[in-house]
PDB file of N, CA and C in Angstrom:
ATOM      1  N   GLN A   1      14.008  -1.996 -15.993  1.00  0.00           N
ATOM      2  CA  GLN A   1      13.881  -3.081 -15.039  1.00  0.00           C
ATOM      3  C   GLN A   1      14.460  -2.632 -13.700  1.00  0.00           C
ATOM      4  N   VAL A   2      13.815  -3.041 -12.625  1.00  0.00           N
ATOM      5  CA  VAL A   2      14.253  -2.696 -11.279  1.00  0.00           C
ATOM      6  C   VAL A   2      14.663  -3.976 -10.564  1.00  0.00           C
ATOM      7  N   GLN A   3      15.805  -3.941  -9.934  1.00  0.00           N
ATOM      8  CA  GLN A   3      16.243  -5.074  -9.116  1.00  0.00           C
ATOM      9  C   GLN A   3      16.222  -4.670  -7.654  1.00  0.00           C
ATOM     10  N   LEU A   4      15.722  -5.567  -6.832  1.00  0.00           N
ATOM     11  CA  LEU A   4      15.682  -5.343  -5.393  1.00  0.00           C
ATOM     12  C   LEU A   4      16.591  -6.355  -4.719  1.00  0.00           C
ATOM     13  N   VAL A   5      17.425  -5.875  -3.821  1.00  0.00           N
ATOM     14  CA  VAL A   5      18.354  -6.755  -3.113  1.00  0.00           C
ATOM     15  C   VAL A   5      18.068  -6.663  -1.622  1.00  0.00           C
ATOM     16  N   GLU A   6      17.709  -7.808  -1.041  1.00  0.00           N
ATOM     17  CA  GLU A   6      17.405  -7.855   0.387  1.00  0.00           C
ATOM     18  C   GLU A   6      18.578  -8.434   1.154  1.00  0.00           C
ATOM     19  N   SER A   7      18.661  -8.060   2.423  1.00  0.00           N
ATOM     20  CA  SER A   7      19.670  -8.639   3.309  1.00  0.00           C
ATOM     21  C   SER A   7      19.171  -8.550   4.736  1.00  0.00           C
ATOM     22  N   GLY A   8      19.790  -9.335   5.617  1.00  0.00           N
ATOM     23  CA  GLY A   8      19.496  -9.223   7.033  1.00  0.00           C
ATOM     24  C   GLY A   8      18.736 -10.381   7.641  1.00  0.00           C
ATOM     25  N   GLY A   9      18.330 -11.345   6.839  1.00  0.00           N
ATOM     26  CA  GLY A   9      17.621 -12.481   7.408  1.00  0.00           C
ATOM     27  C   GLY A   9      18.556 -13.391   8.185  1.00  0.00           C
ATOM     28  N   GLY A  10      17.967 -14.417   8.813  1.00  0.00           N
ATOM     29  CA  GLY A  10      18.791 -15.353   9.559  1.00  0.00           C
ATOM     30  C   GLY A  10      17.991 -16.120  10.576  1.00  0.00           C
ATOM     31  N   LEU A  11      18.724 -16.780  11.476  1.00  0.00           N
ATOM     32  CA  LEU A  11      18.127 -17.568  12.544  1.00  0.00           C
ATOM     33  C   LEU A  11      18.234 -16.785  13.849  1.00  0.00           C
ATOM     34  N   VAL A  12      17.128 -16.687  14.559  1.00  0.00           N
ATOM     35  CA  VAL A  12      17.117 -15.949  15.817  1.00  0.00           C
ATOM     36  C   VAL A  12      16.214 -16.674  16.805  1.00  0.00           C
ATOM     37  N   GLN A  13      16.511 -16.535  18.077  1.00  0.00           N
ATOM     38  CA  GLN A  13      15.685 -17.160  19.108  1.00  0.00           C
ATOM     39  C   GLN A  13      14.423 -16.336  19.347  1.00  0.00           C
ATOM     40  N   PRO A  14      13.371 -16.964  19.830  1.00  0.00           N
ATOM     41  CA  PRO A  14      12.161 -16.204  20.172  1.00  0.00           C
ATOM     42  C   PRO A  14      12.488 -15.069  21.129  1.00  0.00           C
ATOM     43  N   GLY A  15      11.896 -13.915  20.848  1.00  0.00           N
ATOM     44  CA  GLY A  15      12.175 -12.727  21.637  1.00  0.00           C
ATOM     45  C   GLY A  15      13.314 -11.885  21.095  1.00  0.00           C
ATOM     46  N   GLY A  16      14.029 -12.410  20.115  1.00  0.00           N
ATOM     47  CA  GLY A  16      15.163 -11.691  19.543  1.00  0.00           C
ATOM     48  C   GLY A  16      14.746 -10.688  18.492  1.00  0.00           C
ATOM     49  N   SER A  17      15.764 -10.082  17.865  1.00  0.00           N
ATOM     50  CA  SER A  17      15.528  -9.026  16.879  1.00  0.00           C
ATOM     51  C   SER A  17      16.345  -9.278  15.620  1.00  0.00           C
ATOM     52  N   LEU A  18      15.825  -8.785  14.518  1.00  0.00           N
ATOM     53  CA  LEU A  18      16.530  -8.765  13.244  1.00  0.00           C
ATOM     54  C   LEU A  18      16.167  -7.486  12.509  1.00  0.00           C
ATOM     55  N   ARG A  19      17.058  -7.046  11.639  1.00  0.00           N
ATOM     56  CA  ARG A  19      16.789  -5.870  10.809  1.00  0.00           C
ATOM     57  C   ARG A  19      17.010  -6.271   9.360  1.00  0.00           C
ATOM     58  N   LEU A  20      15.958  -6.110   8.566  1.00  0.00           N
ATOM     59  CA  LEU A  20      16.031  -6.400   7.141  1.00  0.00           C
ATOM     60  C   LEU A  20      16.264  -5.112   6.366  1.00  0.00           C
ATOM     61  N   SER A  21      17.034  -5.222   5.298  1.00  0.00           N
ATOM     62  CA  SER A  21      17.295  -4.081   4.430  1.00  0.00           C
ATOM     63  C   SER A  21      16.969  -4.448   2.996  1.00  0.00           C
ATOM     64  N   CYS A  22      16.521  -3.465   2.240  1.00  0.00           N
ATOM     65  CA  CYS A  22      16.208  -3.679   0.824  1.00  0.00           C
ATOM     66  C   CYS A  22      16.643  -2.445   0.055  1.00  0.00           C
ATOM     67  N   ALA A  23      17.392  -2.663  -1.009  1.00  0.00           N
ATOM     68  CA  ALA A  23      17.834  -1.568  -1.857  1.00  0.00           C
ATOM     69  C   ALA A  23      17.387  -1.820  -3.283  1.00  0.00           C
ATOM     70  N   ALA A  24      16.812  -0.797  -3.907  1.00  0.00           N
ATOM     71  CA  ALA A  24      16.386  -0.886  -5.300  1.00  0.00           C
ATOM     72  C   ALA A  24      17.488  -0.347  -6.207  1.00  0.00           C
ATOM     73  N   SER A  25      17.612  -0.950  -7.367  1.00  0.00           N
ATOM     74  CA  SER A  25      18.693  -0.556  -8.276  1.00  0.00           C
ATOM     75  C   SER A  25      18.421   0.771  -8.954  1.00  0.00           C
ATOM     76  N   ARG A  26      17.162   1.223  -8.959  1.00  0.00           N
ATOM     77  CA  ARG A  26      16.804   2.494  -9.568  1.00  0.00           C
ATOM     78  C   ARG A  26      15.994   3.308  -8.590  1.00  0.00           C
ATOM     79  N   SER A  27      16.176   4.601  -8.593  1.00  0.00           N
ATOM     80  CA  SER A  27      15.357   5.479  -7.764  1.00  0.00           C
ATOM     81  C   SER A  27      14.568   6.478  -8.592  1.00  0.00           C
ATOM     82  N   SER A  28      14.836   6.559  -9.874  1.00  0.00           N
ATOM     83  CA  SER A  28      14.205   7.577 -10.713  1.00  0.00           C
ATOM     84  C   SER A  28      12.928   7.061 -11.362  1.00  0.00           C
ATOM     85  N   PHE A  29      12.069   6.454 -10.576  1.00  0.00           N
ATOM     86  CA  PHE A  29      10.753   6.106 -11.086  1.00  0.00           C
ATOM     87  C   PHE A  29       9.764   6.293  -9.955  1.00  0.00           C
ATOM     88  N   ASN A  30       8.504   6.236 -10.286  1.00  0.00           N
ATOM     89  CA  ASN A  30       7.455   6.573  -9.336  1.00  0.00           C
ATOM     90  C   ASN A  30       7.220   5.419  -8.365  1.00  0.00           C
ATOM     91  N   ILE A  31       7.709   5.574  -7.151  1.00  0.00           N
ATOM     92  CA  ILE A  31       7.456   4.585  -6.108  1.00  0.00           C
ATOM     93  C   ILE A  31       6.308   5.102  -5.264  1.00  0.00           C
ATOM     94  N   TYR A  32       5.157   4.427  -5.322  1.00  0.00           N
ATOM     95  CA  TYR A  32       4.039   4.844  -4.482  1.00  0.00           C
ATOM     96  C   TYR A  32       3.786   3.878  -3.334  1.00  0.00           C
ATOM     97  N   ALA A  33       4.461   2.727  -3.362  1.00  0.00           N
ATOM     98  CA  ALA A  33       4.353   1.784  -2.250  1.00  0.00           C
ATOM     99  C   ALA A  33       5.594   0.906  -2.223  1.00  0.00           C
ATOM    100  N   MET A  34       6.261   0.900  -1.092  1.00  0.00           N
ATOM    101  CA  MET A  34       7.462   0.062  -0.942  1.00  0.00           C
ATOM    102  C   MET A  34       7.395  -0.588   0.425  1.00  0.00           C
ATOM    103  N   GLY A  35       7.550  -1.886   0.454  1.00  0.00           N
ATOM    104  CA  GLY A  35       7.398  -2.531   1.741  1.00  0.00           C
ATOM    105  C   GLY A  35       7.839  -3.965   1.769  1.00  0.00           C
ATOM    106  N   TRP A  36       7.383  -4.645   2.818  1.00  0.00           N
ATOM    107  CA  TRP A  36       7.790  -6.017   3.089  1.00  0.00           C
ATOM    108  C   TRP A  36       6.579  -6.934   3.136  1.00  0.00           C
ATOM    109  N   TYR A  37       6.780  -8.117   2.581  1.00  0.00           N
ATOM    110  CA  TYR A  37       5.766  -9.144   2.559  1.00  0.00           C
ATOM    111  C   TYR A  37       6.447 -10.431   3.001  1.00  0.00           C
ATOM    112  N   ARG A  38       5.666 -11.410   3.401  1.00  0.00           N
ATOM    113  CA  ARG A  38       6.277 -12.681   3.804  1.00  0.00           C
ATOM    114  C   ARG A  38       5.405 -13.859   3.374  1.00  0.00           C
ATOM    115  N   GLN A  39       6.079 -14.986   3.224  1.00  0.00           N
ATOM    116  CA  GLN A  39       5.370 -16.200   2.839  1.00  0.00           C
ATOM    117  C   GLN A  39       5.925 -17.363   3.653  1.00  0.00           C
ATOM    118  N   ALA A  40       5.069 -17.950   4.448  1.00  0.00           N
ATOM    119  CA  ALA A  40       5.441 -19.126   5.230  1.00  0.00           C
ATOM    120  C   ALA A  40       5.102 -20.379   4.425  1.00  0.00           C
ATOM    121  N   PRO A  41       5.728 -21.494   4.749  1.00  0.00           N
ATOM    122  CA  PRO A  41       5.455 -22.741   4.003  1.00  0.00           C
ATOM    123  C   PRO A  41       3.972 -23.092   4.027  1.00  0.00           C
ATOM    124  N   GLY A  42       3.416 -23.360   2.859  1.00  0.00           N
ATOM    125  CA  GLY A  42       2.022 -23.749   2.752  1.00  0.00           C
ATOM    126  C   GLY A  42       1.027 -22.616   2.870  1.00  0.00           C
ATOM    127  N   LYS A  43       1.523 -21.385   2.946  1.00  0.00           N
ATOM    128  CA  LYS A  43       0.633 -20.235   3.089  1.00  0.00           C
ATOM    129  C   LYS A  43       0.845 -19.255   1.949  1.00  0.00           C
ATOM    130  N   GLN A  44      -0.134 -18.364   1.778  1.00  0.00           N
ATOM    131  CA  GLN A  44      -0.019 -17.332   0.756  1.00  0.00           C
ATOM    132  C   GLN A  44       0.867 -16.194   1.237  1.00  0.00           C
ATOM    133  N   ARG A  45       1.424 -15.454   0.281  1.00  0.00           N
ATOM    134  CA  ARG A  45       2.210 -14.285   0.632  1.00  0.00           C
ATOM    135  C   ARG A  45       1.293 -13.250   1.269  1.00  0.00           C
ATOM    136  N   GLU A  46       1.775 -12.624   2.341  1.00  0.00           N
ATOM    137  CA  GLU A  46       0.964 -11.645   3.049  1.00  0.00           C
ATOM    138  C   GLU A  46       1.757 -10.370   3.296  1.00  0.00           C
ATOM    139  N   LEU A  47       1.027  -9.284   3.418  1.00  0.00           N
ATOM    140  CA  LEU A  47       1.638  -8.000   3.731  1.00  0.00           C
ATOM    141  C   LEU A  47       2.155  -8.018   5.164  1.00  0.00           C
ATOM    142  N   VAL A  48       3.358  -7.491   5.366  1.00  0.00           N
ATOM    143  CA  VAL A  48       3.905  -7.285   6.710  1.00  0.00           C
ATOM    144  C   VAL A  48       3.831  -5.801   7.053  1.00  0.00           C
ATOM    145  N   ALA A  49       4.438  -4.977   6.210  1.00  0.00           N
ATOM    146  CA  ALA A  49       4.438  -3.535   6.439  1.00  0.00           C
ATOM    147  C   ALA A  49       4.751  -2.849   5.129  1.00  0.00           C
ATOM    148  N   VAL A  50       4.118  -1.710   4.886  1.00  0.00           N
ATOM    149  CA  VAL A  50       4.338  -0.997   3.632  1.00  0.00           C
ATOM    150  C   VAL A  50       4.258   0.508   3.870  1.00  0.00           C
ATOM    151  N   VAL A  51       5.130   1.229   3.179  1.00  0.00           N
ATOM    152  CA  VAL A  51       5.109   2.683   3.171  1.00  0.00           C
ATOM    153  C   VAL A  51       4.517   3.118   1.840  1.00  0.00           C
ATOM    154  N   THR A  52       3.440   3.880   1.885  1.00  0.00           N
ATOM    155  CA  THR A  52       2.868   4.442   0.660  1.00  0.00           C
ATOM    156  C   THR A  52       3.099   5.946   0.650  1.00  0.00           C
ATOM    157  N   THR A  53       2.596   6.598  -0.364  1.00  0.00           N
ATOM    158  CA  THR A  53       2.789   8.040  -0.456  1.00  0.00           C
ATOM    159  C   THR A  53       2.056   8.784   0.647  1.00  0.00           C
ATOM    160  N   SER A  54       1.089   8.125   1.296  1.00  0.00           N
ATOM    161  CA  SER A  54       0.288   8.853   2.284  1.00  0.00           C
ATOM    162  C   SER A  54       0.246   8.191   3.655  1.00  0.00           C
ATOM    163  N   THR A  55       0.711   6.966   3.774  1.00  0.00           N
ATOM    164  CA  THR A  55       0.543   6.281   5.045  1.00  0.00           C
ATOM    165  C   THR A  55       1.546   5.151   5.202  1.00  0.00           C
ATOM    166  N   ILE A  56       1.544   4.603   6.405  1.00  0.00           N
ATOM    167  CA  ILE A  56       2.302   3.383   6.706  1.00  0.00           C
ATOM    168  C   ILE A  56       1.322   2.359   7.266  1.00  0.00           C
ATOM    169  N   ASN A  57       1.347   1.178   6.709  1.00  0.00           N
ATOM    170  CA  ASN A  57       0.424   0.141   7.152  1.00  0.00           C
ATOM    171  C   ASN A  57       1.180  -1.079   7.658  1.00  0.00           C
ATOM    172  N   TYR A  58       0.659  -1.676   8.702  1.00  0.00           N
ATOM    173  CA  TYR A  58       1.232  -2.888   9.273  1.00  0.00           C
ATOM    174  C   TYR A  58       0.171  -3.973   9.356  1.00  0.00           C
ATOM    175  N   ALA A  59       0.613  -5.208   9.221  1.00  0.00           N
ATOM    176  CA  ALA A  59      -0.279  -6.320   9.535  1.00  0.00           C
ATOM    177  C   ALA A  59      -0.557  -6.297  11.031  1.00  0.00           C
ATOM    178  N   ASP A  60      -1.766  -6.682  11.407  1.00  0.00           N
ATOM    179  CA  ASP A  60      -2.123  -6.679  12.837  1.00  0.00           C
ATOM    180  C   ASP A  60      -1.173  -7.537  13.656  1.00  0.00           C
ATOM    181  N   SER A  61      -0.690  -8.611  13.065  1.00  0.00           N
ATOM    182  CA  SER A  61       0.148  -9.557  13.798  1.00  0.00           C
ATOM    183  C   SER A  61       1.529  -9.000  14.156  1.00  0.00           C
ATOM    184  N   VAL A  62       1.935  -7.895  13.520  1.00  0.00           N
ATOM    185  CA  VAL A  62       3.272  -7.355  13.793  1.00  0.00           C
ATOM    186  C   VAL A  62       3.235  -5.966  14.411  1.00  0.00           C
ATOM    187  N   LYS A  63       2.058  -5.391  14.543  1.00  0.00           N
ATOM    188  CA  LYS A  63       1.957  -4.046  15.121  1.00  0.00           C
ATOM    189  C   LYS A  63       2.552  -4.020  16.521  1.00  0.00           C
ATOM    190  N   GLY A  64       3.361  -2.993  16.768  1.00  0.00           N
ATOM    191  CA  GLY A  64       3.998  -2.857  18.074  1.00  0.00           C
ATOM    192  C   GLY A  64       5.303  -3.615  18.197  1.00  0.00           C
ATOM    193  N   ARG A  65       5.597  -4.473  17.232  1.00  0.00           N
ATOM    194  CA  ARG A  65       6.848  -5.247  17.271  1.00  0.00           C
ATOM    195  C   ARG A  65       7.768  -4.905  16.105  1.00  0.00           C
ATOM    196  N   PHE A  66       7.204  -4.627  14.953  1.00  0.00           N
ATOM    197  CA  PHE A  66       7.985  -4.329  13.748  1.00  0.00           C
ATOM    198  C   PHE A  66       7.863  -2.848  13.414  1.00  0.00           C
ATOM    199  N   THR A  67       8.942  -2.285  12.853  1.00  0.00           N
ATOM    200  CA  THR A  67       8.937  -0.905  12.409  1.00  0.00           C
ATOM    201  C   THR A  67       9.558  -0.816  11.024  1.00  0.00           C
ATOM    202  N   ILE A  68       8.826  -0.205  10.099  1.00  0.00           N
ATOM    203  CA  ILE A  68       9.329  -0.008   8.745  1.00  0.00           C
ATOM    204  C   ILE A  68       9.825   1.424   8.618  1.00  0.00           C
ATOM    205  N   SER A  69      10.918   1.609   7.867  1.00  0.00           N
ATOM    206  CA  SER A  69      11.440   2.947   7.619  1.00  0.00           C
ATOM    207  C   SER A  69      11.987   3.007   6.198  1.00  0.00           C
ATOM    208  N   GLY A  70      12.156   4.251   5.704  1.00  0.00           N
ATOM    209  CA  GLY A  70      12.591   4.439   4.327  1.00  0.00           C
ATOM    210  C   GLY A  70      11.405   4.370   3.398  1.00  0.00           C
ATOM    211  N   GLY A  71      11.639   3.971   2.158  1.00  0.00           N
ATOM    212  CA  GLY A  71      10.557   3.850   1.198  1.00  0.00           C
ATOM    213  C   GLY A  71      10.207   5.164   0.539  1.00  0.00           C
ATOM    214  N   ASN A  72       9.082   5.216  -0.166  1.00  0.00           N
ATOM    215  CA  ASN A  72       8.612   6.359  -0.930  1.00  0.00           C
ATOM    216  C   ASN A  72       9.672   6.798  -1.936  1.00  0.00           C
ATOM    217  N   SER A  73      10.126   8.049  -1.862  1.00  0.00           N
ATOM    218  CA  SER A  73      11.060   8.546  -2.860  1.00  0.00           C
ATOM    219  C   SER A  73      12.464   7.987  -2.695  1.00  0.00           C
ATOM    220  N   LYS A  74      12.721   7.335  -1.573  1.00  0.00           N
ATOM    221  CA  LYS A  74      14.035   6.740  -1.363  1.00  0.00           C
ATOM    222  C   LYS A  74      14.042   5.373  -2.018  1.00  0.00           C
ATOM    223  N   ASN A  75      15.196   4.884  -2.355  1.00  0.00           N
ATOM    224  CA  ASN A  75      15.259   3.572  -2.978  1.00  0.00           C
ATOM    225  C   ASN A  75      15.653   2.482  -2.001  1.00  0.00           C
ATOM    226  N   THR A  76      15.521   2.749  -0.699  1.00  0.00           N
ATOM    227  CA  THR A  76      15.824   1.741   0.309  1.00  0.00           C
ATOM    228  C   THR A  76      14.690   1.685   1.327  1.00  0.00           C
ATOM    229  N   VAL A  77      14.483   0.501   1.867  1.00  0.00           N
ATOM    230  CA  VAL A  77      13.487   0.334   2.916  1.00  0.00           C
ATOM    231  C   VAL A  77      14.023  -0.672   3.921  1.00  0.00           C
ATOM    232  N   TYR A  78      13.692  -0.449   5.180  1.00  0.00           N
ATOM    233  CA  TYR A  78      14.188  -1.287   6.247  1.00  0.00           C
ATOM    234  C   TYR A  78      13.018  -1.823   7.059  1.00  0.00           C
ATOM    235  N   LEU A  79      13.240  -2.959   7.699  1.00  0.00           N
ATOM    236  CA  LEU A  79      12.243  -3.513   8.598  1.00  0.00           C
ATOM    237  C   LEU A  79      12.947  -3.956   9.873  1.00  0.00           C
ATOM    238  N   GLN A  80      12.696  -3.227  10.948  1.00  0.00           N
ATOM    239  CA  GLN A  80      13.227  -3.606  12.247  1.00  0.00           C
ATOM    240  C   GLN A  80      12.218  -4.521  12.904  1.00  0.00           C
ATOM    241  N   MET A  81      12.641  -5.733  13.224  1.00  0.00           N
ATOM    242  CA  MET A  81      11.745  -6.735  13.796  1.00  0.00           C
ATOM    243  C   MET A  81      12.209  -7.060  15.213  1.00  0.00           C
ATOM    244  N   ASN A  82      11.375  -6.732  16.179  1.00  0.00           N
ATOM    245  CA  ASN A  82      11.675  -7.001  17.589  1.00  0.00           C
ATOM    246  C   ASN A  82      10.689  -8.004  18.153  1.00  0.00           C
ATOM    247  N   ARG A  83      11.049  -8.581  19.262  1.00  0.00           N
ATOM    248  CA  ARG A  83      10.182  -9.556  19.970  1.00  0.00           C
ATOM    249  C   ARG A  83       9.650 -10.602  18.985  1.00  0.00           C
ATOM    250  N   LEU A  84      10.576 -11.174  18.236  1.00  0.00           N
ATOM    251  CA  LEU A  84      10.192 -12.140  17.209  1.00  0.00           C
ATOM    252  C   LEU A  84       9.594 -13.398  17.814  1.00  0.00           C
ATOM    253  N   LYS A  85       8.637 -13.968  17.078  1.00  0.00           N
ATOM    254  CA  LYS A  85       7.933 -15.172  17.512  1.00  0.00           C
ATOM    255  C   LYS A  85       8.149 -16.279  16.475  1.00  0.00           C
ATOM    256  N   PRO A  86       8.001 -17.532  16.874  1.00  0.00           N
ATOM    257  CA  PRO A  86       8.151 -18.620  15.895  1.00  0.00           C
ATOM    258  C   PRO A  86       7.222 -18.466  14.695  1.00  0.00           C
ATOM    259  N   GLU A  87       6.044 -17.890  14.904  1.00  0.00           N
ATOM    260  CA  GLU A  87       5.115 -17.714  13.794  1.00  0.00           C
ATOM    261  C   GLU A  87       5.543 -16.621  12.819  1.00  0.00           C
ATOM    262  N   ASP A  88       6.601 -15.907  13.134  1.00  0.00           N
ATOM    263  CA  ASP A  88       7.159 -14.938  12.181  1.00  0.00           C
ATOM    264  C   ASP A  88       8.080 -15.613  11.163  1.00  0.00           C
ATOM    265  N   THR A  89       8.348 -16.885  11.363  1.00  0.00           N
ATOM    266  CA  THR A  89       9.212 -17.618  10.446  1.00  0.00           C
ATOM    267  C   THR A  89       8.606 -17.642   9.043  1.00  0.00           C
ATOM    268  N   ALA A  90       9.379 -17.185   8.068  1.00  0.00           N
ATOM    269  CA  ALA A  90       8.902 -17.095   6.686  1.00  0.00           C
ATOM    270  C   ALA A  90      10.032 -16.588   5.804  1.00  0.00           C
ATOM    271  N   VAL A  91       9.788 -16.618   4.512  1.00  0.00           N
ATOM    272  CA  VAL A  91      10.648 -15.894   3.579  1.00  0.00           C
ATOM    273  C   VAL A  91      10.077 -14.491   3.438  1.00  0.00           C
ATOM    274  N   TYR A  92      10.907 -13.508   3.669  1.00  0.00           N
ATOM    275  CA  TYR A  92      10.483 -12.116   3.608  1.00  0.00           C
ATOM    276  C   TYR A  92      10.920 -11.512   2.270  1.00  0.00           C
ATOM    277  N   TYR A  93       9.962 -10.862   1.604  1.00  0.00           N
ATOM    278  CA  TYR A  93      10.205 -10.263   0.300  1.00  0.00           C
ATOM    279  C   TYR A  93      10.018  -8.760   0.372  1.00  0.00           C
ATOM    280  N   CYS A  94      10.905  -8.071  -0.296  1.00  0.00           N
ATOM    281  CA  CYS A  94      10.759  -6.632  -0.491  1.00  0.00           C
ATOM    282  C   CYS A  94       9.983  -6.429  -1.792  1.00  0.00           C
ATOM    283  N   GLY A  95       9.069  -5.475  -1.800  1.00  0.00           N
ATOM    284  CA  GLY A  95       8.269  -5.231  -2.995  1.00  0.00           C
ATOM    285  C   GLY A  95       8.057  -3.753  -3.246  1.00  0.00           C
ATOM    286  N   ILE A  96       8.013  -3.383  -4.516  1.00  0.00           N
ATOM    287  CA  ILE A  96       7.724  -2.001  -4.919  1.00  0.00           C
ATOM    288  C   ILE A  96       6.481  -2.016  -5.794  1.00  0.00           C
ATOM    289  N   ASN A  97       5.487  -1.241  -5.385  1.00  0.00           N
ATOM    290  CA  ASN A  97       4.258  -1.066  -6.181  1.00  0.00           C
ATOM    291  C   ASN A  97       3.587  -2.398  -6.503  1.00  0.00           C
ATOM    292  N   SER A  98       3.836  -3.405  -5.693  1.00  0.00           N
ATOM    293  CA  SER A  98       3.323  -4.763  -5.941  1.00  0.00           C
ATOM    294  C   SER A  98       3.659  -5.224  -7.358  1.00  0.00           C
ATOM    295  N   GLN A  99       4.732  -4.705  -7.877  1.00  0.00           N
ATOM    296  CA  GLN A  99       5.122  -4.993  -9.255  1.00  0.00           C
ATOM    297  C   GLN A  99       6.520  -5.586  -9.321  1.00  0.00           C
ATOM    298  N   TYR A 100       7.418  -5.056  -8.516  1.00  0.00           N
ATOM    299  CA  TYR A 100       8.798  -5.527  -8.502  1.00  0.00           C
ATOM    300  C   TYR A 100       9.071  -6.215  -7.171  1.00  0.00           C
ATOM    301  N   TRP A 101       9.785  -7.331  -7.242  1.00  0.00           N
ATOM    302  CA  TRP A 101      10.010  -8.139  -6.043  1.00  0.00           C
ATOM    303  C   TRP A 101      11.468  -8.551  -5.938  1.00  0.00           C
ATOM    304  N   GLY A 102      11.924  -8.637  -4.693  1.00  0.00           N
ATOM    305  CA  GLY A 102      13.250  -9.177  -4.451  1.00  0.00           C
ATOM    306  C   GLY A 102      13.217 -10.690  -4.434  1.00  0.00           C
ATOM    307  N   GLN A 103      14.391 -11.294  -4.242  1.00  0.00           N
ATOM    308  CA  GLN A 103      14.503 -12.750  -4.226  1.00  0.00           C
ATOM    309  C   GLN A 103      14.017 -13.351  -2.923  1.00  0.00           C
ATOM    310  N   GLY A 104      13.954 -12.559  -1.897  1.00  0.00           N
ATOM    311  CA  GLY A 104      13.509 -13.044  -0.594  1.00  0.00           C
ATOM    312  C   GLY A 104      14.678 -13.377   0.318  1.00  0.00           C
ATOM    313  N   THR A 105      14.430 -13.220   1.608  1.00  0.00           N
ATOM    314  CA  THR A 105      15.430 -13.571   2.616  1.00  0.00           C
ATOM    315  C   THR A 105      14.733 -14.372   3.722  1.00  0.00           C
ATOM    316  N   GLN A 106      15.362 -15.458   4.122  1.00  0.00           N
ATOM    317  CA  GLN A 106      14.744 -16.356   5.094  1.00  0.00           C
ATOM    318  C   GLN A 106      14.911 -15.811   6.505  1.00  0.00           C
ATOM    319  N   VAL A 107      13.804 -15.795   7.240  1.00  0.00           N
ATOM    320  CA  VAL A 107      13.826 -15.463   8.663  1.00  0.00           C
ATOM    321  C   VAL A 107      13.284 -16.680   9.411  1.00  0.00           C
ATOM    322  N   THR A 108      14.097 -17.212  10.316  1.00  0.00           N
ATOM    323  CA  THR A 108      13.692 -18.370  11.097  1.00  0.00           C
ATOM    324  C   THR A 108      13.787 -18.027  12.574  1.00  0.00           C
ATOM    325  N   VAL A 109      12.667 -18.188  13.278  1.00  0.00           N
ATOM    326  CA  VAL A 109      12.629 -17.896  14.705  1.00  0.00           C
ATOM    327  C   VAL A 109      12.429 -19.230  15.428  1.00  0.00           C
ATOM    328  N   SER A 110      13.465 -19.665  16.124  1.00  0.00           N
ATOM    329  CA  SER A 110      13.421 -20.973  16.751  1.00  0.00           C
ATOM    330  C   SER A 110      14.433 -21.046  17.874  1.00  0.00           C
ATOM    331  N   SER A 111      14.095 -21.809  18.880  1.00  0.00           N
ATOM    332  CA  SER A 111      15.034 -22.028  19.984  1.00  0.00           C
ATOM    333  C   SER A 111      15.850 -23.295  19.742  1.00  0.00           C
TER     334      SER A 111
END
């Protein structure tokens, strides 16, 4: 069993920044995709950014504002979020291989 622990969420004003961190309890298994997803109230969970064995993918809505680092063979992944907008408000989840999920961390962007 793999446990993922997220941290770094919170309340920030529009235009501000936050950095999310995720650590997996195990590193000795095959990680082919590690990244961040989010779910806003009344909406489905969506991909934010993911590191795979061959590429890094971002949702169009966060390109140029968010940067993902870590992942793959490492057991930690980070998400630097800049120029945050109210529509970025959601619970952010760390995920590995779309199989293991963290508990989620709330990000609220509001003035």
